[in-house]
Every structure is written in structure tokens, then in C-alpha cells.
Amino acid sequence: MVPNPGYPTYRSVSELLRANVIEYDLLEKNEWLPDFDALEKLDLTRVKLMWVNYPNMPTGKNASLALFEKLVAFGKKHGIVICHDNPYSFILNDRPMSILSVQGAKDICIELNSLSKSHNMSGWRMGLLASNPEFVRWVLKAKSNIDSGQFKPMQLATVAALQNTREWHDEMNRIYAERRLWAEKIMDLLNCKYDKSQVGLFVWGKLPESVVSSKDFIDDILYNARVFITPGVIFGSNGEGYIRISLGASVEKMEEAYNRILTYNT
């Protein structure tokens, strides 16, 4: 099971394994959370794994203990492994948490994390997987036939990065907060609605009702203002009508993007 909208790789890796993919809806009216009543009405007899991701990309919806408890209970009830992708928990978020903090979660959950986002190590391909010994053995059985691990100096650098202080993360979040202010200004300029309580590396906004296609809207900005913003529909059909702005660019670039769009709009 994969979320719609969600990170496209959840679907692509599942299809590479020739699994039958079932989408589950994440909707704004449900605060971008799974509708467990709707899930219970599905035929779940052959479902083996459910991809989840909170703090969520692209919607910015934060995790909560209540959500994690529901996911663990759902997985246990139906024998579905809950695979939680958790790379954004330290970004603009004052309450990072793991699904494995829920009692009994290790019995049914796998949690993934990445230093690409939390420690600015994008491209290093350093991450981690945590679960019970049996689930870890499942992964190692496949992984040991794919690679032999990362270059050791990169592993040692990762160990060092994991010793970063809270002050280091606070400074990074100060920078991200400045960038988010500009992302919100761009959203305002485009007459988009957005939730200021979002966390993570992106800002997710709803386009005006008059906009029919998020792709066409973005193409117009791209070709005329020379600014690229991600159309929400690439994350699934439920992303139509939304856009996502990344906080990966510097404040100077964000300001330049704002001014380019402002000039085009006027």
C-alpha cells in the first residue's frame, strides 16, 4: 500500500518487485492522515506492507503518537508490515519522534531514516533501518547481494555527524526558517493557501480554485519567470491542485525567485 500523494519511489520500488500496488488516500479534509475507517473496508487479505511517511512529504503534516499507535494497531490486526520513512523529523520540528517508540511497534514496523536531510549529507547515500532481528535479516538477505556497504571513510564521517549537538540542528533550523518565510511569500504571491504548522523541508500549498492543472500553472511560471516549483500531481492524483516549494535553495535564491515571479505577474 502506498500513499496518494506520496514519494513516487514507494510505488516504483514496489513495482520493481512486481508487487500489486494499492493506493490509500491522504486528503486535506482528513488533515493528510490515513482514513482508517476507509482502509478497514478494503480487501486486505493479501496486503503485506504499507508505506507511511510522517513528517509527511509533500504535505508537511507532522507525526503524532496517536497516529503511530493507530498504525501499529492496524498493522498488527491485519498482519501488515508498516514501513515508516522518517527523514524529516529534525527539520523545523520541535517534537521529533519514531514509530518504534510505540509499545510493540518493533513486532510489525520497520523505520527508515536518512542523513541526507537531517545532517546535510545529500548525495552521501547514508541512512539506517531499524526493526526487529527477523525483519532486518529479510533486508540483509537482499542487500548483501546488491552491495557491500558504503566507503568506510563515509561511514566514519556519518558516525561523527551523529554526534552533532542540539545547537547544530538549531542553527540549521534557523536557516530553514528564513527560507520558509520566502517560500510562504511566494505562496502568498501566487494566491495559494497553506498551513503554517507544516514541518519538514518543503511548503505545500493549495492553488486557487480557478487553476485547472498544476502542471500547466507551473509550466507558465517556469517558461515566463524562469522559476521551477514542483506541481503536486507528480506525487499522485490527490496532489492535483497543489504545489510544493523546496527549502533547499539559499535565502538569496528564494528572494530572487520571488522577485522574478513578481515581475512576471505585474
Foldseek 3Di string as FASTA:
>chain_A
DEEVQADCVVVVVCVVVVHDDDYFYQAVVVVRAGDVVVVVPDDCQPAAEYEDEAVGPPALRHDDLVRLVVVQVVCVVRVHAYEYEYAFQLAQHPDRDDSVVDPPNLVRYKYKYDCVFQQVPPPQPDIDIDHDPVVVVVVCVVVVVVDDDHDVVSVVVVVVSVPDDPVVSVVVNVQLVLLVVLVVLLCVVQVWDFDPNGTGFKTKTFHPPVDDFQVVVQVVCCVQLVDGWAQLCVSHPSSTRMTMDGSPDGSVVSVSSSVSVVVRVD
